[in-house]
Amino acid sequence: MNEYLKEIADLCNINSILNTHKARRTFGSTVTLNNNVPIHIVKEMLGHQPVSQTEEYAITEQISIGREMK
């Protein structure tokens, strides 16, 4: 899987190293949590046992903070 992600990075001129860990973090934070999917649902999608494991994926971004402040 990581080899495919490296190919995608090369094709898209992405200088960052893509791997499955980064893909899971992106899915867990940017794709789901930032689109208002409840953390308990994300926990199930990622196959985590404790919700605290999923909370580590919840990367706080300025967009999320601004949305909550409104």
Protein backbone atom coordinates (compact mmCIF):
# COMPACT_ATOMS: atom_id res chain seq x y z
CA MET A 1 0.00 0.00 0.00
CA ASN A 2 2.77 2.45 0.88
CA GLU A 3 4.35 1.86 -2.53
CA TYR A 4 1.11 2.93 -4.23
CA LEU A 5 0.96 6.04 -2.08
CA LYS A 6 4.55 6.86 -3.06
CA GLU A 7 3.56 6.54 -6.73
CA ILE A 8 0.62 8.87 -6.17
CA ALA A 9 2.90 11.39 -4.44
CA ASP A 10 5.28 11.27 -7.41
CA LEU A 11 2.49 11.67 -9.96
CA CYS A 12 1.00 14.62 -8.06
CA ASN A 13 4.36 16.24 -7.30
CA ILE A 14 3.76 15.94 -3.55
CA ASN A 15 7.04 16.43 -1.70
CA SER A 16 5.73 14.92 1.53
CA ILE A 17 6.13 11.20 2.16
CA LEU A 18 2.71 9.54 1.90
CA ASN A 19 2.07 6.36 3.86
CA THR A 20 -0.86 4.48 5.35
CA HIS A 21 -0.43 6.16 8.72
CA LYS A 22 -0.70 9.63 7.17
CA ALA A 23 -3.68 8.47 5.10
CA ARG A 24 -5.52 7.22 8.21
CA ARG A 25 -4.78 10.45 10.08
CA THR A 26 -6.04 12.51 7.14
CA PHE A 27 -9.19 10.42 6.89
CA GLY A 28 -9.72 10.55 10.65
CA SER A 29 -9.26 14.28 10.97
CA THR A 30 -9.78 16.15 7.71
CA VAL A 31 -12.27 13.89 5.96
CA THR A 32 -14.48 12.83 8.85
CA LEU A 33 -14.14 14.95 11.97
CA ASN A 34 -13.91 18.23 10.08
CA ASN A 35 -17.10 17.26 8.27
CA ASN A 36 -18.98 16.80 11.54
CA VAL A 37 -18.93 13.00 11.65
CA PRO A 38 -19.25 12.13 15.36
CA ILE A 39 -16.03 10.85 16.92
CA HIS A 40 -17.71 7.62 18.03
CA ILE A 41 -18.59 6.85 14.40
CA VAL A 42 -15.03 7.64 13.28
CA LYS A 43 -13.78 5.32 16.03
CA GLU A 44 -15.76 2.47 14.50
CA MET A 45 -14.63 3.32 10.95
CA LEU A 46 -10.99 3.20 12.01
CA GLY A 47 -11.42 0.07 14.09
CA HIS A 48 -10.24 1.65 17.32
CA GLN A 49 -11.25 0.16 20.67
CA PRO A 50 -11.03 3.18 23.01
CA VAL A 51 -12.30 6.54 21.79
CA SER A 52 -9.11 8.06 23.23
CA GLN A 53 -7.17 6.41 20.40
CA THR A 54 -9.37 8.20 17.87
CA GLU A 55 -9.03 11.49 19.73
CA GLU A 56 -5.32 11.43 18.86
CA TYR A 57 -6.36 11.70 15.20
CA ALA A 58 -8.48 14.75 15.92
CA ILE A 59 -6.06 17.37 14.70
CA THR A 60 -7.29 20.82 15.71
CA GLU A 61 -7.33 23.15 12.74
CA GLN A 62 -8.12 26.84 12.53
CA ILE A 63 -11.21 26.10 10.42
CA SER A 64 -12.63 23.86 13.12
CA ILE A 65 -11.96 26.41 15.82
CA GLY A 66 -13.61 29.17 13.79
CA ARG A 67 -16.65 27.02 13.06
CA GLU A 68 -17.10 26.20 16.75
CA MET A 69 -16.72 29.85 17.76
CA LYS A 70 -19.64 30.81 15.49
